[in-house]
């Protein structure tokens, strides 16, 4: 597949990805090369990586999981880099899912005021979303991505062969972000994704999703206007994800699972506020419920989730800003919602 290259970023695919990595290493005199993994990618993905490269590197490891996407983990990696004499001419390669690429990118962007880094996403979610666009960062407690910077990696290497190491639940989590790309940018892409029955041949669709996200980011790199559309489903979805992460009595939701619920809820809000048709709402709801398990919310759950909305990164001047759909493929940003509509949206979801 053809690489996606702009003035500020480059995404390479399949065999070409490692060719570009080796070329990059050969023309840059890095003092040291570090590879950051977690316990899962060390077992399942590092052997693939080792077979494709011919340079020496130092391995760094963190613990997997959203619960470890925090400043404490950053401090560990910063200390590891310092103790191993990393300098400003060192390179950090992040080999893992979205937690690892977000955190690794933030660590690199802040260590000695910034060293080069490369993302090699190993999950579908990271391939189509987390590793593309230059967003780096960590959570503040259970509040998602509150601390971070926007900083582009030297390159992103998308190698779908890594997807063979994933369980199906993780693939579905990433697929939710691909469905989102269709909802916000292209009804034709949405319809194409709806026909996907398995995850055997996703290469072209992954490329299409990266193209969509890259085009949006290129137009609005610092998220002033169009890039906000990528947050569709995330305002309520992130709050749901945070609540289920914090409540020890609940099974933790994967990112895509929480965002899928958020997209149904925000589709309902769209029918009330921005004119999305009832037929489109039905289409969106049925599509997500056919792929993602329905979740039960108590009145207390909903109260806590709504209280978390005030921490959303899109908020400004005390207002909670939503991205809503006008039609499938067309959005409206910075929408204010009356509080009673949130209860209506959860009621709609409950009765599906």
Protein backbone atom coordinates (compact mmCIF):
# COMPACT_ATOMS: atom_id res chain seq x y z
CA UNK A 1 0.00 0.00 0.00
CA UNK A 2 1.16 3.50 -0.77
CA UNK A 3 2.72 5.46 2.07
CA UNK A 4 0.88 8.52 3.37
CA UNK A 5 3.46 11.31 3.60
CA UNK A 6 2.99 14.98 4.48
CA UNK A 7 5.37 17.75 5.52
CA UNK A 8 4.94 16.84 9.19
CA UNK A 9 4.25 13.09 9.22
CA UNK A 10 4.70 9.81 7.40
CA UNK A 11 2.77 6.56 7.69
CA UNK A 12 4.24 3.49 5.99
CA UNK A 13 2.57 0.12 5.52
CA UNK A 14 3.54 -3.57 5.47
CA UNK A 15 6.99 -4.46 4.06
CA UNK A 16 7.65 -0.87 3.03
CA UNK A 17 7.34 0.12 6.67
CA UNK A 18 10.47 -1.72 7.77
CA UNK A 19 12.34 -0.60 4.64
CA UNK A 20 11.64 3.01 5.61
CA UNK A 21 12.64 2.32 9.22
CA UNK A 22 15.98 0.84 8.19
CA UNK A 23 16.59 3.76 5.81
CA UNK A 24 15.82 6.21 8.60
CA UNK A 25 18.20 4.49 11.00
CA UNK A 26 20.97 4.37 8.38
CA UNK A 27 20.90 8.11 7.67
CA UNK A 28 20.53 9.29 11.27
CA UNK A 29 23.37 9.01 13.71
CA UNK A 30 21.40 8.07 16.78
CA UNK A 31 23.51 7.71 19.90
CA UNK A 32 21.23 4.97 21.25
CA UNK A 33 18.03 3.31 20.09
CA UNK A 34 15.45 2.26 22.68
CA UNK A 35 12.41 0.06 22.06
CA UNK A 36 9.51 0.39 24.49
CA UNK A 37 7.23 -2.65 24.97
CA UNK A 38 4.81 -4.05 27.51
CA UNK A 39 4.69 -7.66 28.71
CA UNK A 40 2.31 -8.62 25.90
CA UNK A 41 4.15 -7.03 22.98
CA UNK A 42 7.43 -8.35 24.36
CA UNK A 43 6.12 -11.89 23.93
CA UNK A 44 4.01 -11.59 20.78
CA UNK A 45 5.38 -8.65 18.74
CA UNK A 46 9.03 -8.18 19.65
CA UNK A 47 10.10 -11.40 17.83
CA UNK A 48 8.47 -10.13 14.63
CA UNK A 49 10.22 -6.78 15.07
CA UNK A 50 13.60 -8.43 15.69
CA UNK A 51 13.28 -10.47 12.49
CA UNK A 52 12.74 -7.31 10.43
CA UNK A 53 15.57 -5.09 11.73
CA UNK A 54 19.35 -5.25 11.68
CA UNK A 55 20.34 -2.72 14.34
CA UNK A 56 21.06 -2.98 18.04
CA UNK A 57 18.64 -1.54 20.55
CA UNK A 58 17.99 -1.38 24.28
CA UNK A 59 14.70 -2.81 25.50
CA UNK A 60 12.47 -0.89 27.93
CA UNK A 61 9.30 -2.37 29.40
CA UNK A 62 6.14 -1.05 31.06
CA UNK A 63 3.04 -2.81 32.39
CA UNK A 64 0.12 -3.02 29.96
CA UNK A 65 -3.33 -1.57 30.52
CA UNK A 66 -5.10 1.77 30.71
CA UNK A 67 -4.69 1.78 34.50
CA UNK A 68 -0.92 2.17 34.00
CA UNK A 69 -1.23 5.06 31.51
CA UNK A 70 -0.12 7.63 34.08
CA UNK A 71 2.69 9.91 35.21
CA UNK A 72 4.08 7.22 37.51
CA UNK A 73 4.78 5.01 34.48
CA UNK A 74 6.33 7.99 32.68
CA UNK A 75 8.65 8.59 35.64
CA UNK A 76 9.77 4.96 35.42
CA UNK A 77 10.60 5.28 31.72
CA UNK A 78 12.28 8.68 32.18
CA UNK A 79 14.43 7.14 34.93
CA UNK A 80 15.23 4.13 32.77
CA UNK A 81 16.33 6.40 29.93
CA UNK A 82 18.46 8.50 32.29
CA UNK A 83 20.07 5.48 33.94
CA UNK A 84 20.91 4.06 30.49
CA UNK A 85 22.55 7.34 29.45
CA UNK A 86 20.02 8.37 26.83
CA UNK A 87 20.72 11.81 25.39
CA UNK A 88 19.01 14.22 23.01
CA UNK A 89 20.30 12.24 20.04
CA UNK A 90 18.62 9.03 21.19
CA UNK A 91 15.58 7.44 19.50
CA UNK A 92 12.60 5.82 21.20
CA UNK A 93 10.59 3.26 19.19
CA UNK A 94 7.15 2.55 20.70
CA UNK A 95 6.03 -1.01 19.92
CA UNK A 96 2.52 -1.55 21.23
CA UNK A 97 -1.09 -0.44 21.41
CA UNK A 98 -2.60 2.95 22.02
CA UNK A 99 -1.67 3.14 25.70
CA UNK A 100 1.97 2.49 24.86
CA UNK A 101 2.20 4.78 21.82
CA UNK A 102 0.42 7.63 23.67
CA UNK A 103 2.63 7.28 26.73
CA UNK A 104 5.82 6.56 24.80
CA UNK A 105 5.25 9.58 22.58
CA UNK A 106 4.74 11.78 25.64
CA UNK A 107 7.86 10.41 27.33
CA UNK A 108 9.93 11.09 24.21
CA UNK A 109 8.43 14.54 23.69
CA UNK A 110 9.38 15.63 27.21
CA UNK A 111 12.64 13.77 27.93
CA UNK A 112 15.47 16.32 27.74
CA UNK A 113 12.89 18.64 26.11
CA UNK A 114 12.28 16.18 23.31
CA UNK A 115 13.89 13.24 21.54
CA UNK A 116 12.84 11.57 18.31
CA UNK A 117 10.33 8.74 18.45
CA UNK A 118 8.70 6.28 16.06
CA UNK A 119 5.38 4.53 16.60
CA UNK A 120 4.81 0.92 15.58
CA UNK A 121 1.18 0.27 16.55
CA UNK A 122 0.36 -3.37 17.20
CA UNK A 123 -3.40 -3.11 17.79
CA UNK A 124 -6.09 -2.14 15.33
CA UNK A 125 -7.10 0.77 17.56
CA UNK A 126 -3.59 2.17 17.56
CA UNK A 127 -3.14 1.63 13.82
CA UNK A 128 -6.20 3.64 12.81
CA UNK A 129 -6.35 6.13 15.67
CA UNK A 130 -3.98 6.41 18.61
CA UNK A 131 -0.62 6.36 16.82
CA UNK A 132 -1.64 8.74 14.01
CA UNK A 133 -1.99 12.49 14.43
CA UNK A 134 0.68 13.41 16.94
CA UNK A 135 -1.41 13.29 20.11
CA UNK A 136 0.60 12.03 23.05
CA UNK A 137 -0.28 11.87 26.70
CA UNK A 138 -1.43 10.08 29.82
CA UNK A 139 -4.45 9.94 32.09
CA UNK A 140 -4.86 11.93 35.30
CA UNK A 141 -6.37 9.39 37.66
CA UNK A 142 -9.30 7.96 35.69
CA UNK A 143 -9.63 11.11 33.58
CA UNK A 144 -8.63 10.26 30.03
CA UNK A 145 -5.68 11.98 28.32
CA UNK A 146 -5.65 15.05 30.56
CA UNK A 147 -1.86 15.50 30.35
CA UNK A 148 -0.06 15.56 27.03
CA UNK A 149 1.27 17.41 24.02
CA UNK A 150 0.78 17.27 20.26
CA UNK A 151 4.05 16.18 18.69
CA UNK A 152 4.57 14.18 15.50
CA UNK A 153 6.66 10.98 15.47
CA UNK A 154 9.38 10.60 12.88
CA UNK A 155 7.14 8.01 11.25
CA UNK A 156 4.36 5.53 11.96
CA UNK A 157 4.74 1.96 10.75
CA UNK A 158 1.46 0.12 10.17
CA UNK A 159 2.02 -3.61 9.80
CA UNK A 160 -1.30 -5.52 9.90
CA UNK A 161 0.64 -8.77 10.46
CA UNK A 162 0.75 -7.73 14.13
CA UNK A 163 -3.04 -8.07 14.28
CA UNK A 164 -2.65 -11.85 14.24
CA UNK A 165 -1.44 -11.57 17.84
CA UNK A 166 -4.74 -10.05 19.05
CA UNK A 167 -7.88 -11.57 20.49
CA UNK A 168 -11.12 -10.74 18.69
CA UNK A 169 -12.35 -8.38 21.42
CA UNK A 170 -9.35 -6.11 20.79
CA UNK A 171 -10.02 -6.13 17.05
CA UNK A 172 -13.63 -5.10 17.65
CA UNK A 173 -12.40 -2.25 19.88
CA UNK A 174 -10.30 -0.83 17.06
CA UNK A 175 -13.03 -1.40 14.51
CA UNK A 176 -15.28 1.01 16.45
CA UNK A 177 -12.91 3.86 15.56
CA UNK A 178 -13.02 2.85 11.90
CA UNK A 179 -16.82 2.96 12.01
CA UNK A 180 -16.52 6.42 13.54
CA UNK A 181 -14.43 7.56 10.57
CA UNK A 182 -17.29 6.55 8.29
CA UNK A 183 -19.89 8.34 10.43
CA UNK A 184 -18.01 11.64 10.49
CA UNK A 185 -16.54 11.69 6.98
CA UNK A 186 -18.02 9.21 4.49
CA UNK A 187 -21.34 7.39 4.28
CA UNK A 188 -19.84 5.21 1.54
CA UNK A 189 -17.06 4.11 3.90
CA UNK A 190 -19.62 3.51 6.66
CA UNK A 191 -21.62 1.25 4.34
CA UNK A 192 -18.46 -0.61 3.30
CA UNK A 193 -17.46 -1.22 6.93
CA UNK A 194 -20.93 -2.52 7.78
CA UNK A 195 -20.37 -5.37 5.31
CA UNK A 196 -17.22 -6.57 7.08
CA UNK A 197 -17.94 -9.99 8.59
CA UNK A 198 -14.46 -10.91 9.80
CA UNK A 199 -11.05 -9.33 10.32
CA UNK A 200 -9.07 -11.38 7.82
CA UNK A 201 -8.45 -8.77 5.11
CA UNK A 202 -8.43 -5.33 6.67
CA UNK A 203 -5.35 -3.88 4.95
CA UNK A 204 -7.19 -1.62 2.50
CA UNK A 205 -9.74 -0.49 5.10
CA UNK A 206 -6.98 0.34 7.58
CA UNK A 207 -5.30 2.40 4.86
CA UNK A 208 -8.60 4.18 4.17
CA UNK A 209 -9.09 4.99 7.85
CA UNK A 210 -5.56 6.36 8.17
CA UNK A 211 -6.17 8.46 5.04
CA UNK A 212 -9.33 9.92 6.58
CA UNK A 213 -7.70 10.72 9.89
CA UNK A 214 -4.56 12.08 8.25
CA UNK A 215 -6.57 14.42 6.03
CA UNK A 216 -8.46 15.78 9.02
CA UNK A 217 -5.28 16.25 11.08
CA UNK A 218 -3.45 17.88 8.17
CA UNK A 219 -6.17 20.51 7.83
CA UNK A 220 -6.36 21.20 11.57
CA UNK A 221 -3.27 19.88 13.42
CA UNK A 222 -3.96 21.67 16.73
CA UNK A 223 -7.68 20.79 16.95
CA UNK A 224 -9.22 24.23 16.51
CA UNK A 225 -11.98 23.20 14.08
CA UNK A 226 -12.26 20.12 11.87
CA UNK A 227 -10.07 17.86 13.99
CA UNK A 228 -12.69 18.09 16.74
CA UNK A 229 -14.92 15.88 14.58
CA UNK A 230 -12.66 12.94 15.46
CA UNK A 231 -14.10 13.20 18.99
CA UNK A 232 -17.57 12.08 17.88
CA UNK A 233 -18.82 9.57 20.46
CA UNK A 234 -15.92 10.37 22.77
CA UNK A 235 -17.49 12.99 25.03
CA UNK A 236 -19.89 10.53 26.62
CA UNK A 237 -17.75 7.53 25.62
CA UNK A 238 -14.68 8.70 27.55
CA UNK A 239 -16.80 9.45 30.61
CA UNK A 240 -18.27 5.93 30.42
CA UNK A 241 -14.80 4.43 29.99
CA UNK A 242 -13.48 6.39 32.99
CA UNK A 243 -16.38 5.35 35.22
CA UNK A 244 -16.00 1.66 34.37
CA UNK A 245 -12.26 1.93 34.94
CA UNK A 246 -12.75 3.46 38.40
CA UNK A 247 -15.58 1.23 39.66
CA UNK A 248 -14.01 -2.02 40.89
CA UNK A 249 -17.38 -3.78 40.77
CA UNK A 250 -17.67 -3.33 37.01
CA UNK A 251 -15.90 -5.09 34.18
CA UNK A 252 -13.54 -2.63 32.55
CA UNK A 253 -14.63 -1.58 29.06
CA UNK A 254 -12.15 -1.40 26.22
CA UNK A 255 -11.89 2.00 24.57
CA UNK A 256 -13.83 1.01 21.45
CA UNK A 257 -16.57 -0.63 23.51
CA UNK A 258 -17.16 2.56 25.49
CA UNK A 259 -16.95 4.74 22.37
CA UNK A 260 -19.51 2.53 20.60
CA UNK A 261 -21.99 3.33 23.38
CA UNK A 262 -21.01 6.99 23.16
CA UNK A 263 -21.72 7.02 19.43
CA UNK A 264 -25.23 5.61 19.94
CA UNK A 265 -25.96 8.14 22.70
CA UNK A 266 -24.61 11.03 20.67
CA UNK A 267 -26.51 9.84 17.58
CA UNK A 268 -29.69 10.13 19.66
CA UNK A 269 -28.69 13.66 20.71
CA UNK A 270 -28.06 14.40 17.03
CA UNK A 271 -31.67 13.54 16.13
CA UNK A 272 -32.90 16.09 18.67
CA UNK A 273 -30.37 18.87 18.09
CA UNK A 274 -28.76 18.69 14.63
CA UNK A 275 -31.37 16.97 12.49
CA UNK A 276 -30.06 13.43 12.12
CA UNK A 277 -32.91 11.32 10.75
CA UNK A 278 -34.60 8.54 12.72
CA UNK A 279 -33.62 6.06 10.01
CA UNK A 280 -29.95 6.99 10.43
CA UNK A 281 -30.26 6.65 14.21
CA UNK A 282 -31.76 3.19 13.74
CA UNK A 283 -28.97 2.26 11.32
CA UNK A 284 -26.25 3.44 13.75
CA UNK A 285 -27.84 1.78 16.78
CA UNK A 286 -28.39 -1.57 15.09
CA UNK A 287 -24.90 -1.59 13.61
CA UNK A 288 -23.19 -1.07 16.95
CA UNK A 289 -25.47 -3.38 18.92
CA UNK A 290 -24.81 -6.14 16.39
CA UNK A 291 -21.09 -5.91 17.16
CA UNK A 292 -20.83 -4.69 20.77
CA UNK A 293 -22.42 -6.09 23.91
CA UNK A 294 -25.11 -3.91 25.44
CA UNK A 295 -24.20 -2.49 28.85
CA UNK A 296 -26.56 -1.79 31.75
CA UNK A 297 -26.45 1.59 33.50
CA UNK A 298 -28.02 2.32 36.88
CA UNK A 299 -29.28 5.80 37.73
CA UNK A 300 -26.18 6.19 39.91
CA UNK A 301 -23.92 5.17 37.00
CA UNK A 302 -25.51 7.81 34.79
CA UNK A 303 -25.14 10.49 37.47
CA UNK A 304 -21.44 9.73 37.87
CA UNK A 305 -20.85 9.56 34.10
CA UNK A 306 -22.52 12.93 33.56
CA UNK A 307 -20.48 14.45 36.40
CA UNK A 308 -17.31 13.41 34.54
CA UNK A 309 -18.27 15.40 31.44
CA UNK A 310 -16.88 18.58 32.98
CA UNK A 311 -13.36 17.18 32.51
CA UNK A 312 -13.68 16.65 28.75
CA UNK A 313 -10.80 18.22 26.82
CA UNK A 314 -13.10 19.92 24.28
CA UNK A 315 -14.75 22.02 26.98
CA UNK A 316 -14.18 25.76 27.02
CA UNK A 317 -15.51 28.67 29.07
CA UNK A 318 -17.38 26.23 31.29
CA UNK A 319 -19.32 24.74 28.37
CA UNK A 320 -19.43 21.03 27.49
CA UNK A 321 -18.93 20.87 23.73
CA UNK A 322 -20.24 17.96 21.66
CA UNK A 323 -19.61 16.77 18.11
CA UNK A 324 -22.94 15.70 16.63
CA UNK A 325 -24.07 14.30 13.30
CA UNK A 326 -26.18 16.24 10.82
CA UNK A 327 -26.16 13.24 8.48
CA UNK A 328 -23.97 10.17 8.25
CA UNK A 329 -20.76 11.67 6.89
CA UNK A 330 -21.38 15.24 8.05
CA UNK A 331 -20.93 16.74 11.52
CA UNK A 332 -21.42 19.87 13.57
CA UNK A 333 -18.86 20.80 16.24
CA UNK A 334 -19.06 22.78 19.49
CA UNK A 335 -22.70 21.89 20.16
CA UNK A 336 -24.13 22.71 23.61
CA UNK A 337 -26.63 20.17 25.03
CA UNK A 338 -29.40 20.75 27.58
CA UNK A 339 -28.82 18.47 30.56
CA UNK A 340 -32.22 16.76 30.39
CA UNK A 341 -31.34 15.39 26.95
CA UNK A 342 -28.58 13.25 28.47
CA UNK A 343 -31.17 11.33 30.49
CA UNK A 344 -33.28 10.92 27.34
CA UNK A 345 -30.26 9.53 25.48
CA UNK A 346 -29.53 6.94 28.16
CA UNK A 347 -33.22 6.02 28.27
CA UNK A 348 -33.16 5.52 24.49
CA UNK A 349 -30.11 3.24 24.81
CA UNK A 350 -31.67 1.29 27.68
CA UNK A 351 -34.77 0.46 25.65
CA UNK A 352 -32.98 -0.65 22.48
